[in-house]
């Protein structure tokens, strides 16, 4: 998908208890490039390895961690959408995002004969 000026990139983590982390990577990517060039570190860097470790340690909560981008929503709108329609947002991100980690297993219906 080509990027437009309004495209927002997000790192998102949720579990069976709801949205846990929503990190807007759009501005972070630009700042990170400058930090690399200046050879400095940014304390606001998302701690992806810690998110994955937390998910593995709490498998009963069925964590999912994804990257996704959208042209239509900002951070507040994504948070509101997760609060109002969590299943829709989870399905949307599963279909349109990039999976980093997931304990989710879709339920398949089978006919027993």
PDB file of N, CA and C in Angstrom:
ATOM      1  N   UNK A   1       0.851  -1.164   0.000  1.00  0.00           N
ATOM      2  CA  UNK A   1       0.000   0.000   0.000  1.00  0.00           C
ATOM      3  C   UNK A   1       0.899   1.229   0.000  1.00  0.00           C
ATOM      4  N   UNK A   2       0.734   2.111  -0.953  1.00  0.00           N
ATOM      5  CA  UNK A   2       1.545   3.319  -0.970  1.00  0.00           C
ATOM      6  C   UNK A   2       1.177   4.228   0.201  1.00  0.00           C
ATOM      7  N   UNK A   3       2.177   4.892   0.753  1.00  0.00           N
ATOM      8  CA  UNK A   3       1.943   5.779   1.887  1.00  0.00           C
ATOM      9  C   UNK A   3       1.525   7.159   1.402  1.00  0.00           C
ATOM     10  N   UNK A   4       0.548   7.724   2.075  1.00  0.00           N
ATOM     11  CA  UNK A   4       0.160   9.102   1.813  1.00  0.00           C
ATOM     12  C   UNK A   4       0.581   9.929   3.019  1.00  0.00           C
ATOM     13  N   UNK A   5       0.429  11.237   2.927  1.00  0.00           N
ATOM     14  CA  UNK A   5       0.825  12.098   4.043  1.00  0.00           C
ATOM     15  C   UNK A   5      -0.018  11.839   5.280  1.00  0.00           C
ATOM     16  N   UNK A   6      -1.240  11.339   5.118  1.00  0.00           N
ATOM     17  CA  UNK A   6      -2.134  11.120   6.241  1.00  0.00           C
ATOM     18  C   UNK A   6      -2.048   9.711   6.805  1.00  0.00           C
ATOM     19  N   UNK A   7      -1.221   8.860   6.241  1.00  0.00           N
ATOM     20  CA  UNK A   7      -1.128   7.488   6.707  1.00  0.00           C
ATOM     21  C   UNK A   7      -0.473   7.443   8.082  1.00  0.00           C
ATOM     22  N   UNK A   8      -1.131   6.786   9.015  1.00  0.00           N
ATOM     23  CA  UNK A   8      -0.612   6.598  10.367  1.00  0.00           C
ATOM     24  C   UNK A   8      -0.229   5.133  10.518  1.00  0.00           C
ATOM     25  N   UNK A   9       0.918   4.871  11.146  1.00  0.00           N
ATOM     26  CA  UNK A   9       1.384   3.505  11.396  1.00  0.00           C
ATOM     27  C   UNK A   9       1.327   3.253  12.893  1.00  0.00           C
ATOM     28  N   UNK A  10       0.777   2.099  13.261  1.00  0.00           N
ATOM     29  CA  UNK A  10       0.582   1.777  14.665  1.00  0.00           C
ATOM     30  C   UNK A  10       1.177   0.425  15.026  1.00  0.00           C
ATOM     31  N   UNK A  11       1.663   0.325  16.257  1.00  0.00           N
ATOM     32  CA  UNK A  11       1.996  -0.937  16.894  1.00  0.00           C
ATOM     33  C   UNK A  11       0.918  -1.124  17.939  1.00  0.00           C
ATOM     34  N   UNK A  12       0.224  -2.255  17.881  1.00  0.00           N
ATOM     35  CA  UNK A  12      -0.911  -2.468  18.782  1.00  0.00           C
ATOM     36  C   UNK A  12      -0.804  -3.842  19.432  1.00  0.00           C
ATOM     37  N   UNK A  13      -1.195  -3.906  20.689  1.00  0.00           N
ATOM     38  CA  UNK A  13      -1.225  -5.159  21.430  1.00  0.00           C
ATOM     39  C   UNK A  13      -2.537  -5.216  22.202  1.00  0.00           C
ATOM     40  N   UNK A  14      -3.212  -6.349  22.121  1.00  0.00           N
ATOM     41  CA  UNK A  14      -4.432  -6.543  22.884  1.00  0.00           C
ATOM     42  C   UNK A  14      -4.507  -7.994  23.333  1.00  0.00           C
ATOM     43  N   UNK A  15      -5.382  -8.232  24.294  1.00  0.00           N
ATOM     44  CA  UNK A  15      -5.598  -9.586  24.795  1.00  0.00           C
ATOM     45  C   UNK A  15      -7.090  -9.746  25.041  1.00  0.00           C
ATOM     46  N   UNK A  16      -7.458 -10.862  25.697  1.00  0.00           N
ATOM     47  CA  UNK A  16      -8.885 -11.106  25.918  1.00  0.00           C
ATOM     48  C   UNK A  16      -9.493 -10.125  26.923  1.00  0.00           C
ATOM     49  N   UNK A  17      -8.684  -9.284  27.542  1.00  0.00           N
ATOM     50  CA  UNK A  17      -9.191  -8.263  28.453  1.00  0.00           C
ATOM     51  C   UNK A  17      -9.276  -6.888  27.792  1.00  0.00           C
ATOM     52  N   UNK A  18      -8.851  -6.789  26.531  1.00  0.00           N
ATOM     53  CA  UNK A  18      -8.975  -5.525  25.811  1.00  0.00           C
ATOM     54  C   UNK A  18      -7.647  -4.986  25.314  1.00  0.00           C
ATOM     55  N   UNK A  19      -7.701  -3.757  24.810  1.00  0.00           N
ATOM     56  CA  UNK A  19      -6.532  -3.079  24.264  1.00  0.00           C
ATOM     57  C   UNK A  19      -5.523  -2.810  25.381  1.00  0.00           C
ATOM     58  N   UNK A  20      -4.265  -3.153  25.123  1.00  0.00           N
ATOM     59  CA  UNK A  20      -3.235  -2.923  26.133  1.00  0.00           C
ATOM     60  C   UNK A  20      -2.237  -1.851  25.703  1.00  0.00           C
ATOM     61  N   UNK A  21      -1.771  -1.917  24.459  1.00  0.00           N
ATOM     62  CA  UNK A  21      -0.785  -0.948  23.971  1.00  0.00           C
ATOM     63  C   UNK A  21      -1.210  -0.464  22.591  1.00  0.00           C
ATOM     64  N   UNK A  22      -1.192   0.831  22.400  1.00  0.00           N
ATOM     65  CA  UNK A  22      -1.390   1.425  21.083  1.00  0.00           C
ATOM     66  C   UNK A  22      -0.311   2.476  20.935  1.00  0.00           C
ATOM     67  N   UNK A  23       0.639   2.222  20.052  1.00  0.00           N
ATOM     68  CA  UNK A  23       1.780   3.106  19.884  1.00  0.00           C
ATOM     69  C   UNK A  23       1.797   3.619  18.450  1.00  0.00           C
ATOM     70  N   UNK A  24       1.740   4.930  18.295  1.00  0.00           N
ATOM     71  CA  UNK A  24       1.790   5.552  16.970  1.00  0.00           C
ATOM     72  C   UNK A  24       3.242   5.627  16.520  1.00  0.00           C
ATOM     73  N   UNK A  25       3.580   4.860  15.502  1.00  0.00           N
ATOM     74  CA  UNK A  25       4.959   4.790  15.014  1.00  0.00           C
ATOM     75  C   UNK A  25       5.278   5.838  13.954  1.00  0.00           C
ATOM     76  N   UNK A  26       4.303   6.596  13.509  1.00  0.00           N
ATOM     77  CA  UNK A  26       4.488   7.521  12.401  1.00  0.00           C
ATOM     78  C   UNK A  26       5.597   8.529  12.683  1.00  0.00           C
ATOM     79  N   UNK A  27       5.490   9.249  13.779  1.00  0.00           N
ATOM     80  CA  UNK A  27       6.507  10.244  14.118  1.00  0.00           C
ATOM     81  C   UNK A  27       7.758   9.581  14.674  1.00  0.00           C
ATOM     82  N   UNK A  28       7.590   8.460  15.364  1.00  0.00           N
ATOM     83  CA  UNK A  28       8.741   7.759  15.939  1.00  0.00           C
ATOM     84  C   UNK A  28       9.734   7.339  14.855  1.00  0.00           C
ATOM     85  N   UNK A  29       9.236   6.898  13.690  1.00  0.00           N
ATOM     86  CA  UNK A  29      10.137   6.488  12.607  1.00  0.00           C
ATOM     87  C   UNK A  29      11.048   7.637  12.185  1.00  0.00           C
ATOM     88  N   UNK A  30      10.473   8.828  12.040  1.00  0.00           N
ATOM     89  CA  UNK A  30      11.271   9.997  11.645  1.00  0.00           C
ATOM     90  C   UNK A  30      12.306  10.340  12.719  1.00  0.00           C
ATOM     91  N   UNK A  31      11.856  10.364  13.971  1.00  0.00           N
ATOM     92  CA  UNK A  31      12.762  10.702  15.074  1.00  0.00           C
ATOM     93  C   UNK A  31      13.843   9.641  15.240  1.00  0.00           C
ATOM     94  N   UNK A  32      13.489   8.387  15.030  1.00  0.00           N
ATOM     95  CA  UNK A  32      14.453   7.310  15.185  1.00  0.00           C
ATOM     96  C   UNK A  32      15.590   7.437  14.174  1.00  0.00           C
ATOM     97  N   UNK A  33      15.270   7.835  12.961  1.00  0.00           N
ATOM     98  CA  UNK A  33      16.312   8.027  11.955  1.00  0.00           C
ATOM     99  C   UNK A  33      17.317   9.081  12.421  1.00  0.00           C
ATOM    100  N   UNK A  34      16.801  10.198  12.947  1.00  0.00           N
ATOM    101  CA  UNK A  34      17.701  11.244  13.443  1.00  0.00           C
ATOM    102  C   UNK A  34      18.517  10.744  14.627  1.00  0.00           C
ATOM    103  N   UNK A  35      17.905   9.967  15.509  1.00  0.00           N
ATOM    104  CA  UNK A  35      18.635   9.435  16.660  1.00  0.00           C
ATOM    105  C   UNK A  35      19.744   8.489  16.230  1.00  0.00           C
ATOM    106  N   UNK A  36      19.499   7.700  15.203  1.00  0.00           N
ATOM    107  CA  UNK A  36      20.536   6.811  14.682  1.00  0.00           C
ATOM    108  C   UNK A  36      21.693   7.642  14.126  1.00  0.00           C
ATOM    109  N   UNK A  37      21.361   8.669  13.374  1.00  0.00           N
ATOM    110  CA  UNK A  37      22.405   9.518  12.798  1.00  0.00           C
ATOM    111  C   UNK A  37      23.193  10.265  13.878  1.00  0.00           C
ATOM    112  N   UNK A  38      22.502  10.666  14.959  1.00  0.00           N
ATOM    113  CA  UNK A  38      23.174  11.382  16.046  1.00  0.00           C
ATOM    114  C   UNK A  38      23.824  10.423  17.050  1.00  0.00           C
ATOM    115  N   UNK A  39      23.591   9.118  16.856  1.00  0.00           N
ATOM    116  CA  UNK A  39      24.104   8.075  17.756  1.00  0.00           C
ATOM    117  C   UNK A  39      23.605   8.275  19.186  1.00  0.00           C
ATOM    118  N   UNK A  40      22.327   8.564  19.314  1.00  0.00           N
ATOM    119  CA  UNK A  40      21.694   8.694  20.622  1.00  0.00           C
ATOM    120  C   UNK A  40      20.538   7.702  20.686  1.00  0.00           C
ATOM    121  N   UNK A  41      19.987   7.538  21.866  1.00  0.00           N
ATOM    122  CA  UNK A  41      18.836   6.651  22.030  1.00  0.00           C
ATOM    123  C   UNK A  41      17.632   7.468  22.455  1.00  0.00           C
ATOM    124  N   UNK A  42      16.479   6.955  22.136  1.00  0.00           N
ATOM    125  CA  UNK A  42      15.222   7.620  22.456  1.00  0.00           C
ATOM    126  C   UNK A  42      14.498   6.800  23.515  1.00  0.00           C
ATOM    127  N   UNK A  43      14.220   7.351  24.696  1.00  0.00           N
ATOM    128  CA  UNK A  43      13.539   6.583  25.740  1.00  0.00           C
ATOM    129  C   UNK A  43      12.104   6.198  25.385  1.00  0.00           C
ATOM    130  N   UNK A  44      11.526   6.826  24.365  1.00  0.00           N
ATOM    131  CA  UNK A  44      10.152   6.499  23.968  1.00  0.00           C
ATOM    132  C   UNK A  44      10.095   5.360  22.964  1.00  0.00           C
ATOM    133  N   UNK A  45      11.230   4.721  22.702  1.00  0.00           N
ATOM    134  CA  UNK A  45      11.257   3.607  21.760  1.00  0.00           C
ATOM    135  C   UNK A  45      10.356   2.485  22.264  1.00  0.00           C
ATOM    136  N   UNK A  46       9.468   1.955  21.421  1.00  0.00           N
ATOM    137  CA  UNK A  46       8.600   0.861  21.876  1.00  0.00           C
ATOM    138  C   UNK A  46       9.444  -0.351  22.259  1.00  0.00           C
ATOM    139  N   UNK A  47       9.108  -0.960  23.359  1.00  0.00           N
ATOM    140  CA  UNK A  47       9.845  -2.116  23.867  1.00  0.00           C
ATOM    141  C   UNK A  47       9.165  -3.397  23.369  1.00  0.00           C
ATOM    142  N   UNK A  48       9.357  -3.686  22.083  1.00  0.00           N
ATOM    143  CA  UNK A  48       8.700  -4.826  21.455  1.00  0.00           C
ATOM    144  C   UNK A  48       9.107  -6.139  22.103  1.00  0.00           C
ATOM    145  N   UNK A  49      10.387  -6.296  22.427  1.00  0.00           N
ATOM    146  CA  UNK A  49      10.815  -7.545  23.045  1.00  0.00           C
ATOM    147  C   UNK A  49      10.135  -7.760  24.396  1.00  0.00           C
ATOM    148  N   UNK A  50       9.887  -6.688  25.147  1.00  0.00           N
ATOM    149  CA  UNK A  50       9.184  -6.802  26.432  1.00  0.00           C
ATOM    150  C   UNK A  50       7.706  -7.133  26.220  1.00  0.00           C
ATOM    151  N   UNK A  51       7.115  -6.599  25.161  1.00  0.00           N
ATOM    152  CA  UNK A  51       5.719  -6.914  24.860  1.00  0.00           C
ATOM    153  C   UNK A  51       5.566  -8.397  24.516  1.00  0.00           C
ATOM    154  N   UNK A  52       6.504  -8.925  23.728  1.00  0.00           N
ATOM    155  CA  UNK A  52       6.448 -10.338  23.346  1.00  0.00           C
ATOM    156  C   UNK A  52       6.680 -11.222  24.571  1.00  0.00           C
ATOM    157  N   UNK A  53       7.641 -10.845  25.412  1.00  0.00           N
ATOM    158  CA  UNK A  53       7.902 -11.631  26.612  1.00  0.00           C
ATOM    159  C   UNK A  53       6.667 -11.655  27.520  1.00  0.00           C
ATOM    160  N   UNK A  54       6.005 -10.530  27.667  1.00  0.00           N
ATOM    161  CA  UNK A  54       4.778 -10.466  28.475  1.00  0.00           C
ATOM    162  C   UNK A  54       3.696 -11.366  27.891  1.00  0.00           C
ATOM    163  N   UNK A  55       3.570 -11.348  26.567  1.00  0.00           N
ATOM    164  CA  UNK A  55       2.566 -12.185  25.905  1.00  0.00           C
ATOM    165  C   UNK A  55       2.859 -13.667  26.125  1.00  0.00           C
ATOM    166  N   UNK A  56       4.109 -14.059  26.007  1.00  0.00           N
ATOM    167  CA  UNK A  56       4.479 -15.469  26.211  1.00  0.00           C
ATOM    168  C   UNK A  56       4.282 -15.908  27.655  1.00  0.00           C
ATOM    169  N   UNK A  57       4.521 -15.018  28.589  1.00  0.00           N
ATOM    170  CA  UNK A  57       4.378 -15.354  30.009  1.00  0.00           C
ATOM    171  C   UNK A  57       2.919 -15.405  30.444  1.00  0.00           C
ATOM    172  N   UNK A  58       2.031 -14.820  29.671  1.00  0.00           N
ATOM    173  CA  UNK A  58       0.604 -14.780  30.006  1.00  0.00           C
ATOM    174  C   UNK A  58      -0.225 -15.371  28.876  1.00  0.00           C
ATOM    175  N   UNK A  59       0.119 -16.570  28.457  1.00  0.00           N
ATOM    176  CA  UNK A  59      -0.550 -17.193  27.305  1.00  0.00           C
ATOM    177  C   UNK A  59      -2.057 -17.352  27.523  1.00  0.00           C
ATOM    178  N   UNK A  60      -2.492 -17.470  28.768  1.00  0.00           N
ATOM    179  CA  UNK A  60      -3.917 -17.628  29.055  1.00  0.00           C
ATOM    180  C   UNK A  60      -4.721 -16.406  28.639  1.00  0.00           C
ATOM    181  N   UNK A  61      -4.063 -15.271  28.438  1.00  0.00           N
ATOM    182  CA  UNK A  61      -4.760 -14.043  28.040  1.00  0.00           C
ATOM    183  C   UNK A  61      -4.840 -13.884  26.525  1.00  0.00           C
ATOM    184  N   UNK A  62      -4.224 -14.787  25.779  1.00  0.00           N
ATOM    185  CA  UNK A  62      -4.299 -14.812  24.308  1.00  0.00           C
ATOM    186  C   UNK A  62      -3.915 -13.464  23.682  1.00  0.00           C
ATOM    187  N   UNK A  63      -2.702 -13.045  23.928  1.00  0.00           N
ATOM    188  CA  UNK A  63      -2.203 -11.787  23.383  1.00  0.00           C
ATOM    189  C   UNK A  63      -2.069 -11.824  21.867  1.00  0.00           C
ATOM    190  N   UNK A  64      -2.226 -10.648  21.267  1.00  0.00           N
ATOM    191  CA  UNK A  64      -1.958 -10.450  19.848  1.00  0.00           C
ATOM    192  C   UNK A  64      -1.214  -9.125  19.699  1.00  0.00           C
ATOM    193  N   UNK A  65      -0.139  -9.148  18.916  1.00  0.00           N
ATOM    194  CA  UNK A  65       0.660  -7.956  18.661  1.00  0.00           C
ATOM    195  C   UNK A  65       0.781  -7.803  17.149  1.00  0.00           C
ATOM    196  N   UNK A  66       0.381  -6.655  16.646  1.00  0.00           N
ATOM    197  CA  UNK A  66       0.361  -6.396  15.211  1.00  0.00           C
ATOM    198  C   UNK A  66       0.903  -5.012  14.898  1.00  0.00           C
ATOM    199  N   UNK A  67       1.369  -4.857  13.661  1.00  0.00           N
ATOM    200  CA  UNK A  67       1.630  -3.564  13.053  1.00  0.00           C
ATOM    201  C   UNK A  67       0.533  -3.339  12.026  1.00  0.00           C
ATOM    202  N   UNK A  68      -0.002  -2.138  11.959  1.00  0.00           N
ATOM    203  CA  UNK A  68      -0.966  -1.827  10.904  1.00  0.00           C
ATOM    204  C   UNK A  68      -0.910  -0.345  10.598  1.00  0.00           C
ATOM    205  N   UNK A  69      -1.443  -0.001   9.441  1.00  0.00           N
ATOM    206  CA  UNK A  69      -1.503   1.415   9.064  1.00  0.00           C
ATOM    207  C   UNK A  69      -2.891   1.743   8.555  1.00  0.00           C
ATOM    208  N   UNK A  70      -3.239   3.003   8.721  1.00  0.00           N
ATOM    209  CA  UNK A  70      -4.553   3.463   8.305  1.00  0.00           C
ATOM    210  C   UNK A  70      -4.465   4.909   7.841  1.00  0.00           C
ATOM    211  N   UNK A  71      -5.291   5.255   6.891  1.00  0.00           N
ATOM    212  CA  UNK A  71      -5.372   6.633   6.406  1.00  0.00           C
ATOM    213  C   UNK A  71      -6.473   7.407   7.125  1.00  0.00           C
ATOM    214  N   UNK A  72      -7.350   6.688   7.809  1.00  0.00           N
ATOM    215  CA  UNK A  72      -8.570   7.303   8.319  1.00  0.00           C
ATOM    216  C   UNK A  72      -8.559   7.634   9.803  1.00  0.00           C
ATOM    217  N   UNK A  73      -7.740   6.947  10.613  1.00  0.00           N
ATOM    218  CA  UNK A  73      -7.864   7.049  12.060  1.00  0.00           C
ATOM    219  C   UNK A  73      -6.595   7.561  12.716  1.00  0.00           C
ATOM    220  N   UNK A  74      -6.784   8.357  13.776  1.00  0.00           N
ATOM    221  CA  UNK A  74      -5.646   8.757  14.598  1.00  0.00           C
ATOM    222  C   UNK A  74      -5.670   7.914  15.877  1.00  0.00           C
ATOM    223  N   UNK A  75      -4.755   8.173  16.791  1.00  0.00           N
ATOM    224  CA  UNK A  75      -4.629   7.358  18.001  1.00  0.00           C
ATOM    225  C   UNK A  75      -5.913   7.356  18.825  1.00  0.00           C
ATOM    226  N   UNK A  76      -6.505   8.509  19.015  1.00  0.00           N
ATOM    227  CA  UNK A  76      -7.739   8.600  19.795  1.00  0.00           C
ATOM    228  C   UNK A  76      -8.882   7.838  19.156  1.00  0.00           C
ATOM    229  N   UNK A  77      -8.984   7.917  17.847  1.00  0.00           N
ATOM    230  CA  UNK A  77     -10.062   7.216  17.147  1.00  0.00           C
ATOM    231  C   UNK A  77      -9.873   5.698  17.201  1.00  0.00           C
ATOM    232  N   UNK A  78      -8.633   5.235  17.100  1.00  0.00           N
ATOM    233  CA  UNK A  78      -8.376   3.795  17.201  1.00  0.00           C
ATOM    234  C   UNK A  78      -8.725   3.301  18.602  1.00  0.00           C
ATOM    235  N   UNK A  79      -8.337   4.068  19.628  1.00  0.00           N
ATOM    236  CA  UNK A  79      -8.656   3.693  21.009  1.00  0.00           C
ATOM    237  C   UNK A  79     -10.165   3.623  21.218  1.00  0.00           C
ATOM    238  N   UNK A  80     -10.875   4.625  20.727  1.00  0.00           N
ATOM    239  CA  UNK A  80     -12.337   4.645  20.840  1.00  0.00           C
ATOM    240  C   UNK A  80     -12.959   3.469  20.100  1.00  0.00           C
ATOM    241  N   UNK A  81     -12.459   3.174  18.906  1.00  0.00           N
ATOM    242  CA  UNK A  81     -12.989   2.051  18.133  1.00  0.00           C
ATOM    243  C   UNK A  81     -12.778   0.736  18.875  1.00  0.00           C
ATOM    244  N   UNK A  82     -11.622   0.557  19.530  1.00  0.00           N
ATOM    245  CA  UNK A  82     -11.378  -0.652  20.315  1.00  0.00           C
ATOM    246  C   UNK A  82     -12.325  -0.744  21.499  1.00  0.00           C
ATOM    247  N   UNK A  83     -12.669   0.389  22.101  1.00  0.00           N
ATOM    248  CA  UNK A  83     -13.588   0.382  23.237  1.00  0.00           C
ATOM    249  C   UNK A  83     -15.015   0.082  22.794  1.00  0.00           C
ATOM    250  N   UNK A  84     -15.433   0.632  21.643  1.00  0.00           N
ATOM    251  CA  UNK A  84     -16.811   0.494  21.194  1.00  0.00           C
ATOM    252  C   UNK A  84     -17.061  -0.773  20.386  1.00  0.00           C
ATOM    253  N   UNK A  85     -16.121  -1.166  19.540  1.00  0.00           N
ATOM    254  CA  UNK A  85     -16.274  -2.338  18.669  1.00  0.00           C
ATOM    255  C   UNK A  85     -14.990  -3.175  18.674  1.00  0.00           C
ATOM    256  N   UNK A  86     -14.659  -3.815  19.809  1.00  0.00           N
ATOM    257  CA  UNK A  86     -13.377  -4.524  19.891  1.00  0.00           C
ATOM    258  C   UNK A  86     -13.242  -5.674  18.896  1.00  0.00           C
ATOM    259  N   UNK A  87     -14.319  -6.422  18.658  1.00  0.00           N
ATOM    260  CA  UNK A  87     -14.209  -7.555  17.735  1.00  0.00           C
ATOM    261  C   UNK A  87     -13.996  -7.090  16.299  1.00  0.00           C
ATOM    262  N   UNK A  88     -14.678  -6.032  15.906  1.00  0.00           N
ATOM    263  CA  UNK A  88     -14.474  -5.486  14.567  1.00  0.00           C
ATOM    264  C   UNK A  88     -13.026  -5.045  14.379  1.00  0.00           C
ATOM    265  N   UNK A  89     -12.478  -4.303  15.366  1.00  0.00           N
ATOM    266  CA  UNK A  89     -11.100  -3.825  15.250  1.00  0.00           C
ATOM    267  C   UNK A  89     -10.108  -4.985  15.218  1.00  0.00           C
ATOM    268  N   UNK A  90     -10.320  -5.991  16.054  1.00  0.00           N
ATOM    269  CA  UNK A  90      -9.418  -7.148  16.056  1.00  0.00           C
ATOM    270  C   UNK A  90      -9.443  -7.842  14.702  1.00  0.00           C
ATOM    271  N   UNK A  91     -10.628  -8.058  14.144  1.00  0.00           N
ATOM    272  CA  UNK A  91     -10.735  -8.706  12.832  1.00  0.00           C
ATOM    273  C   UNK A  91     -10.113  -7.845  11.733  1.00  0.00           C
ATOM    274  N   UNK A  92     -10.358  -6.542  11.787  1.00  0.00           N
ATOM    275  CA  UNK A  92      -9.792  -5.621  10.792  1.00  0.00           C
ATOM    276  C   UNK A  92      -8.265  -5.671  10.813  1.00  0.00           C
ATOM    277  N   UNK A  93      -7.691  -5.614  12.004  1.00  0.00           N
ATOM    278  CA  UNK A  93      -6.228  -5.610  12.118  1.00  0.00           C
ATOM    279  C   UNK A  93      -5.653  -6.959  11.717  1.00  0.00           C
ATOM    280  N   UNK A  94      -6.316  -8.048  12.072  1.00  0.00           N
ATOM    281  CA  UNK A  94      -5.837  -9.376  11.655  1.00  0.00           C
ATOM    282  C   UNK A  94      -5.794  -9.487  10.136  1.00  0.00           C
ATOM    283  N   UNK A  95      -6.785  -8.917   9.454  1.00  0.00           N
ATOM    284  CA  UNK A  95      -6.850  -9.007   8.001  1.00  0.00           C
ATOM    285  C   UNK A  95      -5.909  -8.037   7.306  1.00  0.00           C
ATOM    286  N   UNK A  96      -5.690  -6.858   7.871  1.00  0.00           N
ATOM    287  CA  UNK A  96      -4.944  -5.800   7.185  1.00  0.00           C
ATOM    288  C   UNK A  96      -3.576  -5.495   7.780  1.00  0.00           C
ATOM    289  N   UNK A  97      -3.269  -6.064   8.928  1.00  0.00           N
ATOM    290  CA  UNK A  97      -2.011  -5.760   9.596  1.00  0.00           C
ATOM    291  C   UNK A  97      -0.958  -6.833   9.379  1.00  0.00           C
ATOM    292  N   UNK A  98       0.185  -6.620  10.002  1.00  0.00           N
ATOM    293  CA  UNK A  98       1.286  -7.568   9.970  1.00  0.00           C
ATOM    294  C   UNK A  98       1.423  -8.170  11.359  1.00  0.00           C
ATOM    295  N   UNK A  99       1.255  -9.483  11.452  1.00  0.00           N
ATOM    296  CA  UNK A  99       1.308 -10.161  12.741  1.00  0.00           C
ATOM    297  C   UNK A  99       2.747 -10.240  13.232  1.00  0.00           C
ATOM    298  N   UNK A 100       2.947  -9.852  14.479  1.00  0.00           N
ATOM    299  CA  UNK A 100       4.243  -9.991  15.134  1.00  0.00           C
ATOM    300  C   UNK A 100       4.189 -11.165  16.103  1.00  0.00           C
ATOM    301  N   UNK A 101       3.087 -11.260  16.849  1.00  0.00           N
ATOM    302  CA  UNK A 101       2.904 -12.345  17.806  1.00  0.00           C
ATOM    303  C   UNK A 101       1.413 -12.555  17.993  1.00  0.00           C
ATOM    304  N   UNK A 102       0.999 -13.812  18.134  1.00  0.00           N
ATOM    305  CA  UNK A 102      -0.416 -14.073  18.359  1.00  0.00           C
ATOM    306  C   UNK A 102      -0.622 -15.434  19.003  1.00  0.00           C
ATOM    307  N   UNK A 103      -1.441 -15.449  20.048  1.00  0.00           N
ATOM    308  CA  UNK A 103      -1.905 -16.691  20.664  1.00  0.00           C
ATOM    309  C   UNK A 103      -3.319 -17.018  20.200  1.00  0.00           C
ATOM    310  N   UNK A 104      -3.819 -16.267  19.234  1.00  0.00           N
ATOM    311  CA  UNK A 104      -5.189 -16.435  18.742  1.00  0.00           C
ATOM    312  C   UNK A 104      -5.269 -17.617  17.787  1.00  0.00           C
ATOM    313  N   UNK A 105      -6.253 -18.459  18.008  1.00  0.00           N
ATOM    314  CA  UNK A 105      -6.552 -19.557  17.091  1.00  0.00           C
ATOM    315  C   UNK A 105      -8.023 -19.465  16.711  1.00  0.00           C
ATOM    316  N   UNK A 106      -8.299 -19.247  15.423  1.00  0.00           N
ATOM    317  CA  UNK A 106      -9.703 -19.123  15.016  1.00  0.00           C
ATOM    318  C   UNK A 106     -10.449 -20.433  15.237  1.00  0.00           C
ATOM    319  N   UNK A 107     -11.692 -20.293  15.584  1.00  0.00           N
ATOM    320  CA  UNK A 107     -12.531 -21.473  15.792  1.00  0.00           C
ATOM    321  C   UNK A 107     -13.089 -21.913  14.453  1.00  0.00           C
ATOM    322  N   UNK A 108     -12.849 -23.153  14.111  1.00  0.00           N
ATOM    323  CA  UNK A 108     -13.369 -23.703  12.867  1.00  0.00           C
ATOM    324  C   UNK A 108     -14.556 -24.594  13.181  1.00  0.00           C
ATOM    325  N   UNK A 109     -15.606 -24.414  12.418  1.00  0.00           N
ATOM    326  CA  UNK A 109     -16.773 -25.282  12.584  1.00  0.00           C
ATOM    327  C   UNK A 109     -16.572 -26.521  11.753  1.00  0.00           C
ATOM    328  N   UNK A 110     -16.790 -27.651  12.354  1.00  0.00           N
ATOM    329  CA  UNK A 110     -16.694 -28.916  11.635  1.00  0.00           C
ATOM    330  C   UNK A 110     -17.970 -29.690  11.821  1.00  0.00           C
ATOM    331  N   UNK A 111     -18.369 -30.332  10.764  1.00  0.00           N
ATOM    332  CA  UNK A 111     -19.556 -31.164  10.809  1.00  0.00           C
ATOM    333  C   UNK A 111     -19.106 -32.585  11.135  1.00  0.00           C
ATOM    334  N   UNK A 112     -19.636 -33.128  12.214  1.00  0.00           N
ATOM    335  CA  UNK A 112     -19.293 -34.491  12.607  1.00  0.00           C
ATOM    336  C   UNK A 112     -20.340 -35.416  12.018  1.00  0.00           C
ATOM    337  N   UNK A 113     -19.846 -36.408  11.310  1.00  0.00           N
ATOM    338  CA  UNK A 113     -20.802 -37.338  10.674  1.00  0.00           C
ATOM    339  C   UNK A 113     -20.851 -38.643  11.412  1.00  0.00           C
TER     340      UNK A 113
END
